[in-house]
Amino acid sequence: MHSSGRRTHRQVARSRGQSLAEYALIVALIVIVALVALTLFGTQINDILSIIANQIDGG
C-alpha cells in the first residue's frame, strides 16, 4: 500500500511537469504571434498612434 502512494506521488509530479511544459509552450506561441503581428503591423500601429498623439496635442 505504501508503494502505491509513492507511485501516485510520482504520477502527480509527472503530471505537474507536463502541465508546466504545456503552459510554457502556450506562452511561447503567444510571444511568437505577438512578435509576428508587431513585425507585420508595427508601422501602421505607429502611424495611428502618431495621429492620435498629434490630435491630442493640437486639441
Protein backbone atom coordinates (compact mmCIF):
# COMPACT_ATOMS: atom_id res chain seq x y z
CA MET A 1 0.00 0.00 0.00
CA HIS A 2 2.87 2.32 0.75
CA SER A 3 4.39 1.78 -2.70
CA SER A 4 1.11 2.72 -4.37
CA GLY A 5 1.29 6.03 -2.52
CA ARG A 6 4.74 6.62 -3.98
CA ARG A 7 3.52 5.75 -7.45
CA THR A 8 0.66 8.22 -7.09
CA HIS A 9 3.08 10.90 -5.92
CA ARG A 10 5.29 10.25 -8.95
CA GLN A 11 2.30 10.41 -11.26
CA VAL A 12 1.26 13.73 -9.73
CA ALA A 13 4.79 15.10 -10.08
CA ARG A 14 4.93 13.93 -13.71
CA SER A 15 1.52 15.48 -14.39
CA ARG A 16 2.67 18.80 -12.92
CA GLY A 17 5.75 18.69 -15.12
CA GLN A 18 3.62 18.08 -18.18
CA SER A 19 1.32 20.95 -17.27
CA LEU A 20 4.27 23.30 -16.82
CA ALA A 21 5.65 22.30 -20.21
CA GLU A 22 2.26 22.85 -21.84
CA TYR A 23 1.94 26.31 -20.28
CA ALA A 24 5.46 27.17 -21.45
CA LEU A 25 4.54 26.13 -25.00
CA ILE A 26 1.38 28.24 -24.91
CA VAL A 27 3.31 31.28 -23.66
CA ALA A 28 5.95 30.76 -26.34
CA LEU A 29 3.26 30.56 -29.02
CA ILE A 30 1.64 33.78 -27.78
CA VAL A 31 5.02 35.54 -27.83
CA ILE A 32 5.71 34.37 -31.38
CA VAL A 33 2.27 35.52 -32.58
CA ALA A 34 2.74 38.90 -30.88
CA LEU A 35 6.17 39.39 -32.47
CA VAL A 36 4.87 38.46 -35.91
CA ALA A 37 1.92 40.84 -35.51
CA LEU A 38 4.19 43.68 -34.40
CA THR A 39 6.54 43.00 -37.28
CA LEU A 40 3.73 43.00 -39.84
CA PHE A 41 1.64 45.84 -38.42
CA GLY A 42 4.20 47.82 -36.40
CA THR A 43 4.49 50.69 -38.88
CA GLN A 44 0.72 51.01 -39.24
CA ILE A 45 0.25 50.99 -35.47
CA ASN A 46 2.97 53.62 -35.08
CA ASP A 47 1.28 55.84 -37.68
CA ILE A 48 -2.11 55.53 -35.97
CA LEU A 49 -0.65 56.33 -32.56
CA SER A 50 1.21 59.33 -34.01
CA ILE A 51 -2.04 60.67 -35.49
CA ILE A 52 -3.79 60.24 -32.16
CA ALA A 53 -0.93 61.93 -30.28
CA ASN A 54 -0.94 64.86 -32.73
CA GLN A 55 -4.70 65.30 -32.32
CA ILE A 56 -4.35 65.30 -28.54
CA ASP A 57 -1.50 67.87 -28.66
CA GLY A 58 -3.36 70.09 -31.13
CA GLY A 59 -6.57 69.62 -29.49
